[in-house]
């Protein structure tokens, strides 16, 4: 049994469970990423907010580069999935 989750359900789940993990803009970027993934692959994703918080991290570009000991976002993109948050210096990246 599957339940369709719209953006507001998605956002509210994070606000209820893990309000400090992602910014509002970051949640929008994650939502769009998952929507595009499902549309492109025709694979439904199980909505697991805790799992998403474990797998993805939002931080500044410089914090992510320091964490991976890299010098550019392009190098980070070679290591993992990177989602940029428009009009900010922040990104979301897959942590494994």
PDB file of N, CA and C in Angstrom:
ATOM      1  N   UNK A   1       0.841  -1.165   0.000  1.00  0.00           N
ATOM      2  CA  UNK A   1       0.000   0.000   0.000  1.00  0.00           C
ATOM      3  C   UNK A   1       0.898   1.243   0.000  1.00  0.00           C
ATOM      4  N   UNK A   2       0.627   2.152  -0.927  1.00  0.00           N
ATOM      5  CA  UNK A   2       1.420   3.370  -1.047  1.00  0.00           C
ATOM      6  C   UNK A   2       0.544   4.589  -0.786  1.00  0.00           C
ATOM      7  N   UNK A   3       1.152   5.611  -0.254  1.00  0.00           N
ATOM      8  CA  UNK A   3       0.479   6.885  -0.040  1.00  0.00           C
ATOM      9  C   UNK A   3       1.257   7.956  -0.788  1.00  0.00           C
ATOM     10  N   UNK A   4       0.567   8.751  -1.561  1.00  0.00           N
ATOM     11  CA  UNK A   4       1.205   9.852  -2.264  1.00  0.00           C
ATOM     12  C   UNK A   4       1.432  10.991  -1.276  1.00  0.00           C
ATOM     13  N   UNK A   5       2.635  11.533  -1.282  1.00  0.00           N
ATOM     14  CA  UNK A   5       2.998  12.617  -0.377  1.00  0.00           C
ATOM     15  C   UNK A   5       3.260  13.862  -1.222  1.00  0.00           C
ATOM     16  N   UNK A   6       2.548  14.940  -0.933  1.00  0.00           N
ATOM     17  CA  UNK A   6       2.817  16.185  -1.649  1.00  0.00           C
ATOM     18  C   UNK A   6       3.905  16.967  -0.893  1.00  0.00           C
ATOM     19  N   UNK A   7       4.306  18.098  -1.453  1.00  0.00           N
ATOM     20  CA  UNK A   7       5.391  18.858  -0.831  1.00  0.00           C
ATOM     21  C   UNK A   7       5.058  19.265   0.603  1.00  0.00           C
ATOM     22  N   UNK A   8       3.823  19.645   0.848  1.00  0.00           N
ATOM     23  CA  UNK A   8       3.461  20.118   2.186  1.00  0.00           C
ATOM     24  C   UNK A   8       3.493  18.986   3.209  1.00  0.00           C
ATOM     25  N   UNK A   9       3.076  17.777   2.810  1.00  0.00           N
ATOM     26  CA  UNK A   9       3.211  16.607   3.677  1.00  0.00           C
ATOM     27  C   UNK A   9       4.685  16.334   3.964  1.00  0.00           C
ATOM     28  N   UNK A  10       5.489  16.408   2.910  1.00  0.00           N
ATOM     29  CA  UNK A  10       6.939  16.177   2.997  1.00  0.00           C
ATOM     30  C   UNK A  10       7.558  17.170   3.983  1.00  0.00           C
ATOM     31  N   UNK A  11       7.299  18.446   3.750  1.00  0.00           N
ATOM     32  CA  UNK A  11       7.862  19.496   4.602  1.00  0.00           C
ATOM     33  C   UNK A  11       7.390  19.360   6.045  1.00  0.00           C
ATOM     34  N   UNK A  12       6.111  19.144   6.232  1.00  0.00           N
ATOM     35  CA  UNK A  12       5.565  19.056   7.582  1.00  0.00           C
ATOM     36  C   UNK A  12       6.102  17.860   8.354  1.00  0.00           C
ATOM     37  N   UNK A  13       6.367  16.763   7.667  1.00  0.00           N
ATOM     38  CA  UNK A  13       6.954  15.601   8.343  1.00  0.00           C
ATOM     39  C   UNK A  13       8.320  15.965   8.919  1.00  0.00           C
ATOM     40  N   UNK A  14       9.129  16.685   8.145  1.00  0.00           N
ATOM     41  CA  UNK A  14      10.447  17.093   8.645  1.00  0.00           C
ATOM     42  C   UNK A  14      10.315  18.115   9.768  1.00  0.00           C
ATOM     43  N   UNK A  15       9.373  19.036   9.631  1.00  0.00           N
ATOM     44  CA  UNK A  15       9.175  20.031  10.687  1.00  0.00           C
ATOM     45  C   UNK A  15       8.739  19.370  11.986  1.00  0.00           C
ATOM     46  N   UNK A  16       7.969  18.288  11.888  1.00  0.00           N
ATOM     47  CA  UNK A  16       7.503  17.569  13.080  1.00  0.00           C
ATOM     48  C   UNK A  16       8.585  16.695  13.694  1.00  0.00           C
ATOM     49  N   UNK A  17       9.358  16.016  12.839  1.00  0.00           N
ATOM     50  CA  UNK A  17      10.294  14.993  13.313  1.00  0.00           C
ATOM     51  C   UNK A  17      11.714  15.541  13.492  1.00  0.00           C
ATOM     52  N   UNK A  18      12.206  16.245  12.498  1.00  0.00           N
ATOM     53  CA  UNK A  18      13.585  16.737  12.496  1.00  0.00           C
ATOM     54  C   UNK A  18      13.649  18.173  11.965  1.00  0.00           C
ATOM     55  N   UNK A  19      13.153  19.134  12.713  1.00  0.00           N
ATOM     56  CA  UNK A  19      13.053  20.498  12.193  1.00  0.00           C
ATOM     57  C   UNK A  19      14.386  21.192  11.932  1.00  0.00           C
ATOM     58  N   UNK A  20      15.466  20.676  12.482  1.00  0.00           N
ATOM     59  CA  UNK A  20      16.762  21.339  12.335  1.00  0.00           C
ATOM     60  C   UNK A  20      17.620  20.772  11.204  1.00  0.00           C
ATOM     61  N   UNK A  21      17.191  19.696  10.558  1.00  0.00           N
ATOM     62  CA  UNK A  21      18.042  19.038   9.566  1.00  0.00           C
ATOM     63  C   UNK A  21      18.176  19.804   8.252  1.00  0.00           C
ATOM     64  N   UNK A  22      17.070  20.395   7.769  1.00  0.00           N
ATOM     65  CA  UNK A  22      17.091  21.045   6.463  1.00  0.00           C
ATOM     66  C   UNK A  22      16.357  22.377   6.531  1.00  0.00           C
ATOM     67  N   UNK A  23      16.845  23.332   5.762  1.00  0.00           N
ATOM     68  CA  UNK A  23      16.151  24.613   5.631  1.00  0.00           C
ATOM     69  C   UNK A  23      14.912  24.413   4.760  1.00  0.00           C
ATOM     70  N   UNK A  24      14.032  25.403   4.763  1.00  0.00           N
ATOM     71  CA  UNK A  24      12.859  25.335   3.899  1.00  0.00           C
ATOM     72  C   UNK A  24      13.289  25.188   2.445  1.00  0.00           C
ATOM     73  N   UNK A  25      14.282  25.974   2.033  1.00  0.00           N
ATOM     74  CA  UNK A  25      14.778  25.906   0.660  1.00  0.00           C
ATOM     75  C   UNK A  25      15.392  24.539   0.371  1.00  0.00           C
ATOM     76  N   UNK A  26      16.090  23.992   1.365  1.00  0.00           N
ATOM     77  CA  UNK A  26      16.689  22.667   1.216  1.00  0.00           C
ATOM     78  C   UNK A  26      15.637  21.589   1.059  1.00  0.00           C
ATOM     79  N   UNK A  27      14.553  21.695   1.808  1.00  0.00           N
ATOM     80  CA  UNK A  27      13.467  20.720   1.667  1.00  0.00           C
ATOM     81  C   UNK A  27      12.852  20.791   0.278  1.00  0.00           C
ATOM     82  N   UNK A  28      12.727  21.990  -0.254  1.00  0.00           N
ATOM     83  CA  UNK A  28      12.189  22.143  -1.614  1.00  0.00           C
ATOM     84  C   UNK A  28      13.111  21.451  -2.624  1.00  0.00           C
ATOM     85  N   UNK A  29      14.413  21.645  -2.484  1.00  0.00           N
ATOM     86  CA  UNK A  29      15.380  21.022  -3.392  1.00  0.00           C
ATOM     87  C   UNK A  29      15.322  19.496  -3.274  1.00  0.00           C
ATOM     88  N   UNK A  30      15.263  18.986  -2.054  1.00  0.00           N
ATOM     89  CA  UNK A  30      15.149  17.534  -1.853  1.00  0.00           C
ATOM     90  C   UNK A  30      13.866  16.998  -2.468  1.00  0.00           C
ATOM     91  N   UNK A  31      12.754  17.657  -2.240  1.00  0.00           N
ATOM     92  CA  UNK A  31      11.468  17.250  -2.800  1.00  0.00           C
ATOM     93  C   UNK A  31      11.569  17.163  -4.324  1.00  0.00           C
ATOM     94  N   UNK A  32      12.118  18.203  -4.939  1.00  0.00           N
ATOM     95  CA  UNK A  32      12.249  18.213  -6.399  1.00  0.00           C
ATOM     96  C   UNK A  32      13.170  17.099  -6.886  1.00  0.00           C
ATOM     97  N   UNK A  33      14.245  16.837  -6.141  1.00  0.00           N
ATOM     98  CA  UNK A  33      15.154  15.745  -6.499  1.00  0.00           C
ATOM     99  C   UNK A  33      14.424  14.406  -6.481  1.00  0.00           C
ATOM    100  N   UNK A  34      13.680  14.124  -5.415  1.00  0.00           N
ATOM    101  CA  UNK A  34      12.961  12.854  -5.306  1.00  0.00           C
ATOM    102  C   UNK A  34      11.857  12.749  -6.355  1.00  0.00           C
ATOM    103  N   UNK A  35      11.157  13.832  -6.620  1.00  0.00           N
ATOM    104  CA  UNK A  35      10.120  13.825  -7.657  1.00  0.00           C
ATOM    105  C   UNK A  35      10.722  13.513  -9.025  1.00  0.00           C
ATOM    106  N   UNK A  36      11.840  14.176  -9.348  1.00  0.00           N
ATOM    107  CA  UNK A  36      12.501  13.937 -10.635  1.00  0.00           C
ATOM    108  C   UNK A  36      13.001  12.494 -10.729  1.00  0.00           C
ATOM    109  N   UNK A  37      13.569  11.987  -9.636  1.00  0.00           N
ATOM    110  CA  UNK A  37      14.052  10.611  -9.608  1.00  0.00           C
ATOM    111  C   UNK A  37      12.913   9.635  -9.902  1.00  0.00           C
ATOM    112  N   UNK A  38      11.787   9.817  -9.215  1.00  0.00           N
ATOM    113  CA  UNK A  38      10.648   8.921  -9.431  1.00  0.00           C
ATOM    114  C   UNK A  38      10.126   9.023 -10.866  1.00  0.00           C
ATOM    115  N   UNK A  39      10.032  10.232 -11.388  1.00  0.00           N
ATOM    116  CA  UNK A  39       9.531  10.422 -12.750  1.00  0.00           C
ATOM    117  C   UNK A  39      10.474   9.856 -13.803  1.00  0.00           C
ATOM    118  N   UNK A  40      11.762   9.960 -13.567  1.00  0.00           N
ATOM    119  CA  UNK A  40      12.758   9.488 -14.525  1.00  0.00           C
ATOM    120  C   UNK A  40      12.898   7.972 -14.505  1.00  0.00           C
ATOM    121  N   UNK A  41      12.847   7.385 -13.323  1.00  0.00           N
ATOM    122  CA  UNK A  41      13.109   5.945 -13.190  1.00  0.00           C
ATOM    123  C   UNK A  41      11.841   5.098 -13.113  1.00  0.00           C
ATOM    124  N   UNK A  42      10.689   5.742 -12.902  1.00  0.00           N
ATOM    125  CA  UNK A  42       9.430   5.018 -12.667  1.00  0.00           C
ATOM    126  C   UNK A  42       9.517   4.107 -11.452  1.00  0.00           C
ATOM    127  N   UNK A  43      10.335   4.477 -10.487  1.00  0.00           N
ATOM    128  CA  UNK A  43      10.475   3.738  -9.231  1.00  0.00           C
ATOM    129  C   UNK A  43       9.923   4.619  -8.111  1.00  0.00           C
ATOM    130  N   UNK A  44       8.956   4.087  -7.368  1.00  0.00           N
ATOM    131  CA  UNK A  44       8.421   4.811  -6.223  1.00  0.00           C
ATOM    132  C   UNK A  44       9.396   4.741  -5.061  1.00  0.00           C
ATOM    133  N   UNK A  45       9.573   5.861  -4.382  1.00  0.00           N
ATOM    134  CA  UNK A  45      10.447   5.933  -3.221  1.00  0.00           C
ATOM    135  C   UNK A  45       9.588   5.825  -1.966  1.00  0.00           C
ATOM    136  N   UNK A  46      10.009   5.007  -1.030  1.00  0.00           N
ATOM    137  CA  UNK A  46       9.345   4.963   0.264  1.00  0.00           C
ATOM    138  C   UNK A  46       9.743   6.214   1.038  1.00  0.00           C
ATOM    139  N   UNK A  47       8.759   6.933   1.546  1.00  0.00           N
ATOM    140  CA  UNK A  47       9.033   8.169   2.274  1.00  0.00           C
ATOM    141  C   UNK A  47       9.462   7.840   3.692  1.00  0.00           C
ATOM    142  N   UNK A  48      10.726   8.096   3.971  1.00  0.00           N
ATOM    143  CA  UNK A  48      11.326   7.794   5.266  1.00  0.00           C
ATOM    144  C   UNK A  48      12.130   9.010   5.717  1.00  0.00           C
ATOM    145  N   UNK A  49      11.499   9.959   6.413  1.00  0.00           N
ATOM    146  CA  UNK A  49      12.203  11.179   6.816  1.00  0.00           C
ATOM    147  C   UNK A  49      13.478  10.921   7.622  1.00  0.00           C
ATOM    148  N   UNK A  50      13.442   9.954   8.525  1.00  0.00           N
ATOM    149  CA  UNK A  50      14.647   9.661   9.321  1.00  0.00           C
ATOM    150  C   UNK A  50      15.752   9.138   8.412  1.00  0.00           C
ATOM    151  N   UNK A  51      15.409   8.254   7.495  1.00  0.00           N
ATOM    152  CA  UNK A  51      16.396   7.734   6.544  1.00  0.00           C
ATOM    153  C   UNK A  51      16.994   8.836   5.690  1.00  0.00           C
ATOM    154  N   UNK A  52      16.154   9.775   5.255  1.00  0.00           N
ATOM    155  CA  UNK A  52      16.642  10.905   4.462  1.00  0.00           C
ATOM    156  C   UNK A  52      17.603  11.746   5.292  1.00  0.00           C
ATOM    157  N   UNK A  53      17.287  11.957   6.569  1.00  0.00           N
ATOM    158  CA  UNK A  53      18.175  12.732   7.447  1.00  0.00           C
ATOM    159  C   UNK A  53      19.511  12.026   7.667  1.00  0.00           C
ATOM    160  N   UNK A  54      19.500  10.713   7.626  1.00  0.00           N
ATOM    161  CA  UNK A  54      20.743   9.952   7.769  1.00  0.00           C
ATOM    162  C   UNK A  54      21.546  10.003   6.480  1.00  0.00           C
ATOM    163  N   UNK A  55      20.863   9.898   5.344  1.00  0.00           N
ATOM    164  CA  UNK A  55      21.536   9.798   4.046  1.00  0.00           C
ATOM    165  C   UNK A  55      21.969  11.136   3.459  1.00  0.00           C
ATOM    166  N   UNK A  56      21.268  12.206   3.781  1.00  0.00           N
ATOM    167  CA  UNK A  56      21.547  13.513   3.178  1.00  0.00           C
ATOM    168  C   UNK A  56      21.872  14.532   4.269  1.00  0.00           C
ATOM    169  N   UNK A  57      22.748  15.470   3.903  1.00  0.00           N
ATOM    170  CA  UNK A  57      23.140  16.524   4.833  1.00  0.00           C
ATOM    171  C   UNK A  57      23.109  17.869   4.114  1.00  0.00           C
ATOM    172  N   UNK A  58      22.616  18.884   4.804  1.00  0.00           N
ATOM    173  CA  UNK A  58      22.665  20.246   4.287  1.00  0.00           C
ATOM    174  C   UNK A  58      23.724  21.022   5.053  1.00  0.00           C
ATOM    175  N   UNK A  59      24.565  21.733   4.311  1.00  0.00           N
ATOM    176  CA  UNK A  59      25.592  22.569   4.931  1.00  0.00           C
ATOM    177  C   UNK A  59      26.094  23.562   3.890  1.00  0.00           C
ATOM    178  N   UNK A  60      27.030  24.407   4.301  1.00  0.00           N
ATOM    179  CA  UNK A  60      27.634  25.328   3.339  1.00  0.00           C
ATOM    180  C   UNK A  60      28.567  24.548   2.425  1.00  0.00           C
ATOM    181  N   UNK A  61      28.850  25.123   1.286  1.00  0.00           N
ATOM    182  CA  UNK A  61      29.775  24.498   0.338  1.00  0.00           C
ATOM    183  C   UNK A  61      31.137  24.301   0.997  1.00  0.00           C
ATOM    184  N   UNK A  62      31.612  25.312   1.703  1.00  0.00           N
ATOM    185  CA  UNK A  62      32.937  25.207   2.325  1.00  0.00           C
ATOM    186  C   UNK A  62      32.972  24.114   3.392  1.00  0.00           C
ATOM    187  N   UNK A  63      31.896  23.944   4.160  1.00  0.00           N
ATOM    188  CA  UNK A  63      31.855  22.873   5.156  1.00  0.00           C
ATOM    189  C   UNK A  63      31.922  21.496   4.497  1.00  0.00           C
ATOM    190  N   UNK A  64      31.201  21.322   3.397  1.00  0.00           N
ATOM    191  CA  UNK A  64      31.215  20.034   2.693  1.00  0.00           C
ATOM    192  C   UNK A  64      32.593  19.751   2.104  1.00  0.00           C
ATOM    193  N   UNK A  65      33.201  20.757   1.496  1.00  0.00           N
ATOM    194  CA  UNK A  65      34.527  20.563   0.909  1.00  0.00           C
ATOM    195  C   UNK A  65      35.548  20.227   1.984  1.00  0.00           C
ATOM    196  N   UNK A  66      35.448  20.882   3.120  1.00  0.00           N
ATOM    197  CA  UNK A  66      36.347  20.590   4.237  1.00  0.00           C
ATOM    198  C   UNK A  66      36.140  19.159   4.743  1.00  0.00           C
ATOM    199  N   UNK A  67      34.896  18.741   4.852  1.00  0.00           N
ATOM    200  CA  UNK A  67      34.569  17.383   5.322  1.00  0.00           C
ATOM    201  C   UNK A  67      35.204  16.321   4.428  1.00  0.00           C
ATOM    202  N   UNK A  68      35.182  16.566   3.109  1.00  0.00           N
ATOM    203  CA  UNK A  68      35.737  15.597   2.157  1.00  0.00           C
ATOM    204  C   UNK A  68      37.186  15.896   1.785  1.00  0.00           C
ATOM    205  N   UNK A  69      37.750  16.982   2.312  1.00  0.00           N
ATOM    206  CA  UNK A  69      39.107  17.413   1.989  1.00  0.00           C
ATOM    207  C   UNK A  69      39.275  17.595   0.478  1.00  0.00           C
ATOM    208  N   UNK A  70      38.354  18.379  -0.098  1.00  0.00           N
ATOM    209  CA  UNK A  70      38.357  18.659  -1.525  1.00  0.00           C
ATOM    210  C   UNK A  70      38.433  20.162  -1.744  1.00  0.00           C
ATOM    211  N   UNK A  71      38.685  20.557  -2.997  1.00  0.00           N
ATOM    212  CA  UNK A  71      38.835  21.981  -3.265  1.00  0.00           C
ATOM    213  C   UNK A  71      37.742  22.567  -4.159  1.00  0.00           C
ATOM    214  N   UNK A  72      36.819  21.742  -4.691  1.00  0.00           N
ATOM    215  CA  UNK A  72      35.758  22.285  -5.537  1.00  0.00           C
ATOM    216  C   UNK A  72      34.500  21.426  -5.456  1.00  0.00           C
ATOM    217  N   UNK A  73      33.392  22.050  -5.779  1.00  0.00           N
ATOM    218  CA  UNK A  73      32.120  21.333  -5.805  1.00  0.00           C
ATOM    219  C   UNK A  73      32.164  20.246  -6.874  1.00  0.00           C
ATOM    220  N   UNK A  74      32.857  20.512  -7.976  1.00  0.00           N
ATOM    221  CA  UNK A  74      32.970  19.517  -9.038  1.00  0.00           C
ATOM    222  C   UNK A  74      33.644  18.240  -8.521  1.00  0.00           C
ATOM    223  N   UNK A  75      34.657  18.388  -7.694  1.00  0.00           N
ATOM    224  CA  UNK A  75      35.300  17.216  -7.102  1.00  0.00           C
ATOM    225  C   UNK A  75      34.323  16.474  -6.191  1.00  0.00           C
ATOM    226  N   UNK A  76      33.537  17.224  -5.431  1.00  0.00           N
ATOM    227  CA  UNK A  76      32.541  16.605  -4.556  1.00  0.00           C
ATOM    228  C   UNK A  76      31.495  15.864  -5.386  1.00  0.00           C
ATOM    229  N   UNK A  77      31.095  16.448  -6.518  1.00  0.00           N
ATOM    230  CA  UNK A  77      30.114  15.798  -7.393  1.00  0.00           C
ATOM    231  C   UNK A  77      30.647  14.488  -7.963  1.00  0.00           C
ATOM    232  N   UNK A  78      31.953  14.355  -8.067  1.00  0.00           N
ATOM    233  CA  UNK A  78      32.554  13.093  -8.505  1.00  0.00           C
ATOM    234  C   UNK A  78      32.491  12.035  -7.408  1.00  0.00           C
ATOM    235  N   UNK A  79      32.319  12.464  -6.162  1.00  0.00           N
ATOM    236  CA  UNK A  79      32.280  11.565  -5.009  1.00  0.00           C
ATOM    237  C   UNK A  79      30.869  11.141  -4.620  1.00  0.00           C
ATOM    238  N   UNK A  80      29.881  12.043  -4.814  1.00  0.00           N
ATOM    239  CA  UNK A  80      28.544  11.796  -4.289  1.00  0.00           C
ATOM    240  C   UNK A  80      27.522  12.655  -5.022  1.00  0.00           C
ATOM    241  N   UNK A  81      26.264  12.491  -4.695  1.00  0.00           N
ATOM    242  CA  UNK A  81      25.191  13.329  -5.232  1.00  0.00           C
ATOM    243  C   UNK A  81      25.232  14.673  -4.514  1.00  0.00           C
ATOM    244  N   UNK A  82      25.209  15.743  -5.277  1.00  0.00           N
ATOM    245  CA  UNK A  82      25.229  17.095  -4.718  1.00  0.00           C
ATOM    246  C   UNK A  82      24.046  17.872  -5.283  1.00  0.00           C
ATOM    247  N   UNK A  83      23.264  18.445  -4.409  1.00  0.00           N
ATOM    248  CA  UNK A  83      22.119  19.265  -4.791  1.00  0.00           C
ATOM    249  C   UNK A  83      22.381  20.687  -4.333  1.00  0.00           C
ATOM    250  N   UNK A  84      22.429  21.625  -5.259  1.00  0.00           N
ATOM    251  CA  UNK A  84      22.670  23.008  -4.875  1.00  0.00           C
ATOM    252  C   UNK A  84      21.358  23.667  -4.484  1.00  0.00           C
ATOM    253  N   UNK A  85      21.422  24.550  -3.524  1.00  0.00           N
ATOM    254  CA  UNK A  85      20.255  25.299  -3.077  1.00  0.00           C
ATOM    255  C   UNK A  85      20.382  26.692  -3.692  1.00  0.00           C
ATOM    256  N   UNK A  86      19.502  27.013  -4.643  1.00  0.00           N
ATOM    257  CA  UNK A  86      19.625  28.278  -5.375  1.00  0.00           C
ATOM    258  C   UNK A  86      19.679  29.493  -4.452  1.00  0.00           C
ATOM    259  N   UNK A  87      20.466  30.458  -4.881  1.00  0.00           N
ATOM    260  CA  UNK A  87      20.603  31.753  -4.223  1.00  0.00           C
ATOM    261  C   UNK A  87      21.139  31.654  -2.793  1.00  0.00           C
ATOM    262  N   UNK A  88      21.902  30.585  -2.522  1.00  0.00           N
ATOM    263  CA  UNK A  88      22.554  30.448  -1.219  1.00  0.00           C
ATOM    264  C   UNK A  88      23.954  29.894  -1.445  1.00  0.00           C
ATOM    265  N   UNK A  89      24.728  29.813  -0.382  1.00  0.00           N
ATOM    266  CA  UNK A  89      26.039  29.162  -0.439  1.00  0.00           C
ATOM    267  C   UNK A  89      25.932  27.753   0.142  1.00  0.00           C
ATOM    268  N   UNK A  90      24.740  27.181   0.137  1.00  0.00           N
ATOM    269  CA  UNK A  90      24.479  25.892   0.765  1.00  0.00           C
ATOM    270  C   UNK A  90      24.205  24.811  -0.277  1.00  0.00           C
ATOM    271  N   UNK A  91      24.505  23.579   0.124  1.00  0.00           N
ATOM    272  CA  UNK A  91      24.211  22.421  -0.708  1.00  0.00           C
ATOM    273  C   UNK A  91      23.641  21.312   0.180  1.00  0.00           C
ATOM    274  N   UNK A  92      23.080  20.323  -0.461  1.00  0.00           N
ATOM    275  CA  UNK A  92      22.697  19.074   0.199  1.00  0.00           C
ATOM    276  C   UNK A  92      23.466  17.998  -0.528  1.00  0.00           C
ATOM    277  N   UNK A  93      24.063  17.096   0.235  1.00  0.00           N
ATOM    278  CA  UNK A  93      24.807  16.014  -0.412  1.00  0.00           C
ATOM    279  C   UNK A  93      24.507  14.683   0.247  1.00  0.00           C
ATOM    280  N   UNK A  94      24.626  13.634  -0.561  1.00  0.00           N
ATOM    281  CA  UNK A  94      24.471  12.266  -0.068  1.00  0.00           C
ATOM    282  C   UNK A  94      25.709  11.918   0.724  1.00  0.00           C
ATOM    283  N   UNK A  95      25.518  11.447   1.950  1.00  0.00           N
ATOM    284  CA  UNK A  95      26.648  11.294   2.875  1.00  0.00           C
ATOM    285  C   UNK A  95      27.428  10.016   2.746  1.00  0.00           C
ATOM    286  N   UNK A  96      27.046   9.128   1.874  1.00  0.00           N
ATOM    287  CA  UNK A  96      27.824   7.880   1.729  1.00  0.00           C
ATOM    288  C   UNK A  96      28.205   7.646   0.308  1.00  0.00           C
TER     289      UNK A  96
END
